[in-house]
Amino acid sequence: MRREGAAFPSRPEGRELVAAILMRRVVLVGVGVLVTLAGVVFTLQGIGILGGSVMSGVTFWAVAGPVIAVAGLAIAAFGLRDRPAS
């Protein structure tokens, strides 16, 4: 027996579940791409290719940029991974 109410919130089923999974996937991939792009920009600024910033030519950003870019790729990969059927 299923009870509705504040103490027992309903779980998404059917189309709602598919839409929730798709939305989560889109958000994770989008965030991952943005973080990756930020890491690339930080790297280019750190090594001096992109100028005009206080970050330009600073070794910290030349090292931190690739780390941030890899983290972004990991987030995007997590969003794209296949989920086992349950």
PDB file of N, CA and C in Angstrom:
ATOM      1  N   MET A   1       0.849  -1.165   0.000  1.00  0.00           N
ATOM      2  CA  MET A   1       0.000   0.000   0.000  1.00  0.00           C
ATOM      3  C   MET A   1       0.898   1.233   0.000  1.00  0.00           C
ATOM      4  N   ARG A   2       0.553   2.167  -0.827  1.00  0.00           N
ATOM      5  CA  ARG A   2       1.351   3.380  -0.969  1.00  0.00           C
ATOM      6  C   ARG A   2       0.614   4.542  -0.333  1.00  0.00           C
ATOM      7  N   ARG A   3       1.324   5.245   0.548  1.00  0.00           N
ATOM      8  CA  ARG A   3       0.702   6.401   1.197  1.00  0.00           C
ATOM      9  C   ARG A   3       1.314   7.672   0.643  1.00  0.00           C
ATOM     10  N   GLU A   4       0.484   8.624   0.322  1.00  0.00           N
ATOM     11  CA  GLU A   4       0.925   9.919  -0.177  1.00  0.00           C
ATOM     12  C   GLU A   4       0.978  10.896   0.988  1.00  0.00           C
ATOM     13  N   GLY A   5       1.883  11.840   0.908  1.00  0.00           N
ATOM     14  CA  GLY A   5       1.951  12.850   1.949  1.00  0.00           C
ATOM     15  C   GLY A   5       3.367  13.341   2.127  1.00  0.00           C
ATOM     16  N   ALA A   6       3.545  14.248   3.058  1.00  0.00           N
ATOM     17  CA  ALA A   6       4.849  14.854   3.284  1.00  0.00           C
ATOM     18  C   ALA A   6       5.857  13.832   3.807  1.00  0.00           C
ATOM     19  N   ALA A   7       5.412  12.877   4.603  1.00  0.00           N
ATOM     20  CA  ALA A   7       6.322  11.902   5.185  1.00  0.00           C
ATOM     21  C   ALA A   7       6.776  10.875   4.150  1.00  0.00           C
ATOM     22  N   PHE A   8       6.010  10.686   3.082  1.00  0.00           N
ATOM     23  CA  PHE A   8       6.330   9.714   2.052  1.00  0.00           C
ATOM     24  C   PHE A   8       6.294  10.393   0.680  1.00  0.00           C
ATOM     25  N   PRO A   9       7.369  11.114   0.331  1.00  0.00           N
ATOM     26  CA  PRO A   9       7.362  11.775  -0.974  1.00  0.00           C
ATOM     27  C   PRO A   9       7.360  10.746  -2.100  1.00  0.00           C
ATOM     28  N   SER A  10       6.665  11.056  -3.161  1.00  0.00           N
ATOM     29  CA  SER A  10       6.593  10.113  -4.267  1.00  0.00           C
ATOM     30  C   SER A  10       7.909  10.144  -5.045  1.00  0.00           C
ATOM     31  N   ARG A  11       8.313   8.988  -5.517  1.00  0.00           N
ATOM     32  CA  ARG A  11       9.525   8.886  -6.327  1.00  0.00           C
ATOM     33  C   ARG A  11       9.137   8.990  -7.790  1.00  0.00           C
ATOM     34  N   PRO A  12      10.017   9.568  -8.615  1.00  0.00           N
ATOM     35  CA  PRO A  12       9.693   9.664 -10.031  1.00  0.00           C
ATOM     36  C   PRO A  12       9.621   8.275 -10.654  1.00  0.00           C
ATOM     37  N   GLU A  13       8.667   8.083 -11.530  1.00  0.00           N
ATOM     38  CA  GLU A  13       8.481   6.797 -12.190  1.00  0.00           C
ATOM     39  C   GLU A  13       8.295   7.017 -13.680  1.00  0.00           C
ATOM     40  N   GLY A  14       8.639   6.027 -14.458  1.00  0.00           N
ATOM     41  CA  GLY A  14       8.388   6.055 -15.884  1.00  0.00           C
ATOM     42  C   GLY A  14       9.082   7.193 -16.594  1.00  0.00           C
ATOM     43  N   ARG A  15       8.280   7.996 -17.280  1.00  0.00           N
ATOM     44  CA  ARG A  15       8.815   9.116 -18.048  1.00  0.00           C
ATOM     45  C   ARG A  15       9.532  10.129 -17.164  1.00  0.00           C
ATOM     46  N   GLU A  16       9.012  10.352 -15.966  1.00  0.00           N
ATOM     47  CA  GLU A  16       9.649  11.304 -15.045  1.00  0.00           C
ATOM     48  C   GLU A  16      11.053  10.841 -14.679  1.00  0.00           C
ATOM     49  N   LEU A  17      11.219   9.544 -14.480  1.00  0.00           N
ATOM     50  CA  LEU A  17      12.527   9.004 -14.130  1.00  0.00           C
ATOM     51  C   LEU A  17      13.499   9.164 -15.296  1.00  0.00           C
ATOM     52  N   VAL A  18      13.029   8.868 -16.500  1.00  0.00           N
ATOM     53  CA  VAL A  18      13.878   9.020 -17.682  1.00  0.00           C
ATOM     54  C   VAL A  18      14.265  10.488 -17.861  1.00  0.00           C
ATOM     55  N   ALA A  19      13.303  11.393 -17.675  1.00  0.00           N
ATOM     56  CA  ALA A  19      13.586  12.825 -17.805  1.00  0.00           C
ATOM     57  C   ALA A  19      14.581  13.282 -16.736  1.00  0.00           C
ATOM     58  N   ALA A  20      14.466  12.778 -15.521  1.00  0.00           N
ATOM     59  CA  ALA A  20      15.388  13.157 -14.449  1.00  0.00           C
ATOM     60  C   ALA A  20      16.799  12.668 -14.750  1.00  0.00           C
ATOM     61  N   ILE A  21      16.919  11.452 -15.257  1.00  0.00           N
ATOM     62  CA  ILE A  21      18.236  10.911 -15.606  1.00  0.00           C
ATOM     63  C   ILE A  21      18.842  11.699 -16.757  1.00  0.00           C
ATOM     64  N   LEU A  22      18.035  12.023 -17.758  1.00  0.00           N
ATOM     65  CA  LEU A  22      18.522  12.794 -18.901  1.00  0.00           C
ATOM     66  C   LEU A  22      18.955  14.191 -18.463  1.00  0.00           C
ATOM     67  N   MET A  23      18.180  14.822 -17.597  1.00  0.00           N
ATOM     68  CA  MET A  23      18.529  16.163 -17.123  1.00  0.00           C
ATOM     69  C   MET A  23      19.822  16.122 -16.327  1.00  0.00           C
ATOM     70  N   ARG A  24      19.986  15.126 -15.491  1.00  0.00           N
ATOM     71  CA  ARG A  24      21.223  14.988 -14.708  1.00  0.00           C
ATOM     72  C   ARG A  24      22.414  14.811 -15.638  1.00  0.00           C
ATOM     73  N   ARG A  25      22.233  13.990 -16.664  1.00  0.00           N
ATOM     74  CA  ARG A  25      23.305  13.749 -17.625  1.00  0.00           C
ATOM     75  C   ARG A  25      23.683  15.031 -18.352  1.00  0.00           C
ATOM     76  N   VAL A  26      22.692  15.779 -18.805  1.00  0.00           N
ATOM     77  CA  VAL A  26      22.941  17.031 -19.527  1.00  0.00           C
ATOM     78  C   VAL A  26      23.658  18.037 -18.625  1.00  0.00           C
ATOM     79  N   VAL A  27      23.217  18.149 -17.389  1.00  0.00           N
ATOM     80  CA  VAL A  27      23.835  19.099 -16.453  1.00  0.00           C
ATOM     81  C   VAL A  27      25.283  18.705 -16.166  1.00  0.00           C
ATOM     82  N   LEU A  28      25.540  17.427 -15.907  1.00  0.00           N
ATOM     83  CA  LEU A  28      26.905  16.985 -15.609  1.00  0.00           C
ATOM     84  C   LEU A  28      27.836  17.198 -16.801  1.00  0.00           C
ATOM     85  N   VAL A  29      27.369  16.862 -17.993  1.00  0.00           N
ATOM     86  CA  VAL A  29      28.204  17.064 -19.175  1.00  0.00           C
ATOM     87  C   VAL A  29      28.435  18.554 -19.404  1.00  0.00           C
ATOM     88  N   GLY A  30      27.407  19.363 -19.247  1.00  0.00           N
ATOM     89  CA  GLY A  30      27.554  20.813 -19.420  1.00  0.00           C
ATOM     90  C   GLY A  30      28.531  21.413 -18.433  1.00  0.00           C
ATOM     91  N   VAL A  31      28.405  21.052 -17.181  1.00  0.00           N
ATOM     92  CA  VAL A  31      29.325  21.554 -16.155  1.00  0.00           C
ATOM     93  C   VAL A  31      30.742  21.059 -16.440  1.00  0.00           C
ATOM     94  N   GLY A  32      30.873  19.806 -16.835  1.00  0.00           N
ATOM     95  CA  GLY A  32      32.180  19.257 -17.155  1.00  0.00           C
ATOM     96  C   GLY A  32      32.861  19.987 -18.302  1.00  0.00           C
ATOM     97  N   VAL A  33      32.094  20.309 -19.341  1.00  0.00           N
ATOM     98  CA  VAL A  33      32.649  21.041 -20.481  1.00  0.00           C
ATOM     99  C   VAL A  33      33.079  22.444 -20.052  1.00  0.00           C
ATOM    100  N   LEU A  34      32.263  23.116 -19.255  1.00  0.00           N
ATOM    101  CA  LEU A  34      32.619  24.459 -18.799  1.00  0.00           C
ATOM    102  C   LEU A  34      33.870  24.453 -17.917  1.00  0.00           C
ATOM    103  N   VAL A  35      33.974  23.494 -17.026  1.00  0.00           N
ATOM    104  CA  VAL A  35      35.146  23.395 -16.159  1.00  0.00           C
ATOM    105  C   VAL A  35      36.391  23.083 -16.998  1.00  0.00           C
ATOM    106  N   THR A  36      36.235  22.210 -17.990  1.00  0.00           N
ATOM    107  CA  THR A  36      37.359  21.898 -18.880  1.00  0.00           C
ATOM    108  C   THR A  36      37.817  23.135 -19.633  1.00  0.00           C
ATOM    109  N   LEU A  37      36.880  23.896 -20.180  1.00  0.00           N
ATOM    110  CA  LEU A  37      37.234  25.124 -20.893  1.00  0.00           C
ATOM    111  C   LEU A  37      37.930  26.126 -19.973  1.00  0.00           C
ATOM    112  N   ALA A  38      37.452  26.238 -18.754  1.00  0.00           N
ATOM    113  CA  ALA A  38      38.098  27.139 -17.796  1.00  0.00           C
ATOM    114  C   ALA A  38      39.535  26.681 -17.528  1.00  0.00           C
ATOM    115  N   GLY A  39      39.743  25.386 -17.380  1.00  0.00           N
ATOM    116  CA  GLY A  39      41.083  24.866 -17.157  1.00  0.00           C
ATOM    117  C   GLY A  39      42.015  25.147 -18.328  1.00  0.00           C
ATOM    118  N   VAL A  40      41.487  25.029 -19.550  1.00  0.00           N
ATOM    119  CA  VAL A  40      42.299  25.331 -20.735  1.00  0.00           C
ATOM    120  C   VAL A  40      42.672  26.810 -20.760  1.00  0.00           C
ATOM    121  N   VAL A  41      41.710  27.678 -20.468  1.00  0.00           N
ATOM    122  CA  VAL A  41      41.992  29.116 -20.441  1.00  0.00           C
ATOM    123  C   VAL A  41      43.012  29.434 -19.359  1.00  0.00           C
ATOM    124  N   PHE A  42      42.873  28.846 -18.186  1.00  0.00           N
ATOM    125  CA  PHE A  42      43.829  29.086 -17.104  1.00  0.00           C
ATOM    126  C   PHE A  42      45.233  28.636 -17.519  1.00  0.00           C
ATOM    127  N   THR A  43      45.310  27.495 -18.189  1.00  0.00           N
ATOM    128  CA  THR A  43      46.606  27.004 -18.657  1.00  0.00           C
ATOM    129  C   THR A  43      47.231  27.972 -19.652  1.00  0.00           C
ATOM    130  N   LEU A  44      46.446  28.412 -20.638  1.00  0.00           N
ATOM    131  CA  LEU A  44      46.962  29.332 -21.649  1.00  0.00           C
ATOM    132  C   LEU A  44      47.390  30.659 -21.029  1.00  0.00           C
ATOM    133  N   GLN A  45      46.676  31.113 -20.018  1.00  0.00           N
ATOM    134  CA  GLN A  45      47.089  32.332 -19.332  1.00  0.00           C
ATOM    135  C   GLN A  45      48.359  32.093 -18.527  1.00  0.00           C
ATOM    136  N   GLY A  46      48.436  30.953 -17.879  1.00  0.00           N
ATOM    137  CA  GLY A  46      49.601  30.649 -17.051  1.00  0.00           C
ATOM    138  C   GLY A  46      50.887  30.544 -17.844  1.00  0.00           C
ATOM    139  N   ILE A  47      50.797  30.015 -19.068  1.00  0.00           N
ATOM    140  CA  ILE A  47      52.021  29.891 -19.870  1.00  0.00           C
ATOM    141  C   ILE A  47      52.270  31.126 -20.733  1.00  0.00           C
ATOM    142  N   GLY A  48      51.384  32.105 -20.640  1.00  0.00           N
ATOM    143  CA  GLY A  48      51.626  33.392 -21.290  1.00  0.00           C
ATOM    144  C   GLY A  48      51.078  33.545 -22.692  1.00  0.00           C
ATOM    145  N   ILE A  49      50.315  32.578 -23.181  1.00  0.00           N
ATOM    146  CA  ILE A  49      49.740  32.693 -24.523  1.00  0.00           C
ATOM    147  C   ILE A  49      48.589  33.693 -24.531  1.00  0.00           C
ATOM    148  N   LEU A  50      47.736  33.646 -23.525  1.00  0.00           N
ATOM    149  CA  LEU A  50      46.665  34.634 -23.374  1.00  0.00           C
ATOM    150  C   LEU A  50      47.134  35.684 -22.376  1.00  0.00           C
ATOM    151  N   GLY A  51      47.261  36.897 -22.830  1.00  0.00           N
ATOM    152  CA  GLY A  51      47.740  37.964 -21.959  1.00  0.00           C
ATOM    153  C   GLY A  51      46.608  38.842 -21.462  1.00  0.00           C
ATOM    154  N   GLY A  52      46.976  39.891 -20.757  1.00  0.00           N
ATOM    155  CA  GLY A  52      45.999  40.868 -20.299  1.00  0.00           C
ATOM    156  C   GLY A  52      45.307  40.515 -19.009  1.00  0.00           C
ATOM    157  N   SER A  53      45.899  39.644 -18.213  1.00  0.00           N
ATOM    158  CA  SER A  53      45.294  39.224 -16.958  1.00  0.00           C
ATOM    159  C   SER A  53      46.384  39.126 -15.901  1.00  0.00           C
ATOM    160  N   VAL A  54      45.976  39.237 -14.642  1.00  0.00           N
ATOM    161  CA  VAL A  54      46.946  39.046 -13.558  1.00  0.00           C
ATOM    162  C   VAL A  54      47.405  37.592 -13.501  1.00  0.00           C
ATOM    163  N   MET A  55      46.682  36.697 -14.167  1.00  0.00           N
ATOM    164  CA  MET A  55      47.045  35.283 -14.211  1.00  0.00           C
ATOM    165  C   MET A  55      48.104  35.008 -15.279  1.00  0.00           C
ATOM    166  N   SER A  56      48.328  35.944 -16.189  1.00  0.00           N
ATOM    167  CA  SER A  56      49.252  35.734 -17.299  1.00  0.00           C
ATOM    168  C   SER A  56      50.689  35.586 -16.798  1.00  0.00           C
ATOM    169  N   GLY A  57      51.321  34.505 -17.224  1.00  0.00           N
ATOM    170  CA  GLY A  57      52.710  34.268 -16.870  1.00  0.00           C
ATOM    171  C   GLY A  57      52.943  33.761 -15.466  1.00  0.00           C
ATOM    172  N   VAL A  58      51.891  33.394 -14.749  1.00  0.00           N
ATOM    173  CA  VAL A  58      52.029  32.900 -13.379  1.00  0.00           C
ATOM    174  C   VAL A  58      52.078  31.368 -13.418  1.00  0.00           C
ATOM    175  N   THR A  59      53.137  30.813 -12.871  1.00  0.00           N
ATOM    176  CA  THR A  59      53.357  29.368 -12.918  1.00  0.00           C
ATOM    177  C   THR A  59      52.223  28.585 -12.260  1.00  0.00           C
ATOM    178  N   PHE A  60      51.650  29.133 -11.202  1.00  0.00           N
ATOM    179  CA  PHE A  60      50.559  28.428 -10.518  1.00  0.00           C
ATOM    180  C   PHE A  60      49.453  28.063 -11.499  1.00  0.00           C
ATOM    181  N   TRP A  61      49.055  28.984 -12.356  1.00  0.00           N
ATOM    182  CA  TRP A  61      47.960  28.738 -13.290  1.00  0.00           C
ATOM    183  C   TRP A  61      48.372  27.805 -14.412  1.00  0.00           C
ATOM    184  N   ALA A  62      49.672  27.801 -14.750  1.00  0.00           N
ATOM    185  CA  ALA A  62      50.169  26.858 -15.748  1.00  0.00           C
ATOM    186  C   ALA A  62      50.099  25.415 -15.232  1.00  0.00           C
ATOM    187  N   VAL A  63      50.173  25.252 -13.915  1.00  0.00           N
ATOM    188  CA  VAL A  63      50.080  23.928 -13.309  1.00  0.00           C
ATOM    189  C   VAL A  63      48.637  23.592 -12.933  1.00  0.00           C
ATOM    190  N   ALA A  64      47.922  24.547 -12.362  1.00  0.00           N
ATOM    191  CA  ALA A  64      46.552  24.297 -11.911  1.00  0.00           C
ATOM    192  C   ALA A  64      45.579  24.129 -13.083  1.00  0.00           C
ATOM    193  N   GLY A  65      45.825  24.803 -14.192  1.00  0.00           N
ATOM    194  CA  GLY A  65      44.927  24.733 -15.346  1.00  0.00           C
ATOM    195  C   GLY A  65      44.704  23.329 -15.860  1.00  0.00           C
ATOM    196  N   PRO A  66      45.776  22.560 -16.125  1.00  0.00           N
ATOM    197  CA  PRO A  66      45.551  21.189 -16.595  1.00  0.00           C
ATOM    198  C   PRO A  66      44.845  20.305 -15.570  1.00  0.00           C
ATOM    199  N   VAL A  67      45.125  20.537 -14.293  1.00  0.00           N
ATOM    200  CA  VAL A  67      44.444  19.757 -13.249  1.00  0.00           C
ATOM    201  C   VAL A  67      42.942  20.054 -13.276  1.00  0.00           C
ATOM    202  N   ILE A  68      42.598  21.325 -13.421  1.00  0.00           N
ATOM    203  CA  ILE A  68      41.190  21.728 -13.493  1.00  0.00           C
ATOM    204  C   ILE A  68      40.541  21.158 -14.753  1.00  0.00           C
ATOM    205  N   ALA A  69      41.265  21.178 -15.879  1.00  0.00           N
ATOM    206  CA  ALA A  69      40.731  20.641 -17.134  1.00  0.00           C
ATOM    207  C   ALA A  69      40.459  19.145 -17.022  1.00  0.00           C
ATOM    208  N   VAL A  70      41.363  18.409 -16.390  1.00  0.00           N
ATOM    209  CA  VAL A  70      41.162  16.964 -16.216  1.00  0.00           C
ATOM    210  C   VAL A  70      39.964  16.707 -15.297  1.00  0.00           C
ATOM    211  N   ALA A  71      39.803  17.523 -14.272  1.00  0.00           N
ATOM    212  CA  ALA A  71      38.635  17.370 -13.392  1.00  0.00           C
ATOM    213  C   ALA A  71      37.347  17.599 -14.186  1.00  0.00           C
ATOM    214  N   GLY A  72      37.346  18.579 -15.076  1.00  0.00           N
ATOM    215  CA  GLY A  72      36.183  18.819 -15.922  1.00  0.00           C
ATOM    216  C   GLY A  72      35.883  17.646 -16.832  1.00  0.00           C
ATOM    217  N   LEU A  73      36.931  17.048 -17.401  1.00  0.00           N
ATOM    218  CA  LEU A  73      36.730  15.864 -18.244  1.00  0.00           C
ATOM    219  C   LEU A  73      36.160  14.700 -17.429  1.00  0.00           C
ATOM    220  N   ALA A  74      36.607  14.566 -16.191  1.00  0.00           N
ATOM    221  CA  ALA A  74      36.087  13.498 -15.325  1.00  0.00           C
ATOM    222  C   ALA A  74      34.610  13.716 -15.020  1.00  0.00           C
ATOM    223  N   ILE A  75      34.216  14.957 -14.787  1.00  0.00           N
ATOM    224  CA  ILE A  75      32.803  15.262 -14.527  1.00  0.00           C
ATOM    225  C   ILE A  75      31.968  14.927 -15.757  1.00  0.00           C
ATOM    226  N   ALA A  76      32.447  15.331 -16.944  1.00  0.00           N
ATOM    227  CA  ALA A  76      31.714  15.037 -18.178  1.00  0.00           C
ATOM    228  C   ALA A  76      31.637  13.535 -18.426  1.00  0.00           C
ATOM    229  N   ALA A  77      32.730  12.818 -18.182  1.00  0.00           N
ATOM    230  CA  ALA A  77      32.732  11.369 -18.366  1.00  0.00           C
ATOM    231  C   ALA A  77      31.761  10.695 -17.400  1.00  0.00           C
ATOM    232  N   PHE A  78      31.692  11.203 -16.179  1.00  0.00           N
ATOM    233  CA  PHE A  78      30.742  10.660 -15.207  1.00  0.00           C
ATOM    234  C   PHE A  78      29.306  10.854 -15.694  1.00  0.00           C
ATOM    235  N   GLY A  79      29.045  12.003 -16.325  1.00  0.00           N
ATOM    236  CA  GLY A  79      27.712  12.248 -16.862  1.00  0.00           C
ATOM    237  C   GLY A  79      27.375  11.389 -18.057  1.00  0.00           C
ATOM    238  N   LEU A  80      28.382  10.975 -18.815  1.00  0.00           N
ATOM    239  CA  LEU A  80      28.155  10.179 -20.016  1.00  0.00           C
ATOM    240  C   LEU A  80      28.184   8.674 -19.791  1.00  0.00           C
ATOM    241  N   ARG A  81      28.634   8.243 -18.630  1.00  0.00           N
ATOM    242  CA  ARG A  81      28.787   6.807 -18.408  1.00  0.00           C
ATOM    243  C   ARG A  81      27.431   6.092 -18.449  1.00  0.00           C
ATOM    244  N   ASP A  82      27.452   4.859 -18.880  1.00  0.00           N
ATOM    245  CA  ASP A  82      26.234   4.050 -18.947  1.00  0.00           C
ATOM    246  C   ASP A  82      25.850   3.583 -17.566  1.00  0.00           C
ATOM    247  N   ARG A  83      24.576   3.576 -17.304  1.00  0.00           N
ATOM    248  CA  ARG A  83      24.068   3.110 -16.023  1.00  0.00           C
ATOM    249  C   ARG A  83      23.509   1.693 -16.227  1.00  0.00           C
ATOM    250  N   PRO A  84      23.809   0.771 -15.329  1.00  0.00           N
ATOM    251  CA  PRO A  84      23.236  -0.565 -15.463  1.00  0.00           C
ATOM    252  C   PRO A  84      21.725  -0.528 -15.248  1.00  0.00           C
ATOM    253  N   ALA A  85      21.019  -1.345 -15.995  1.00  0.00           N
ATOM    254  CA  ALA A  85      19.555  -1.418 -15.848  1.00  0.00           C
ATOM    255  C   ALA A  85      19.218  -2.053 -14.520  1.00  0.00           C
ATOM    256  N   SER A  86      18.245  -1.457 -13.828  1.00  0.00           N
ATOM    257  CA  SER A  86      17.853  -2.025 -12.539  1.00  0.00           C
ATOM    258  C   SER A  86      16.437  -2.522 -12.566  1.00  0.00           C
TER     259      SER A  86
END
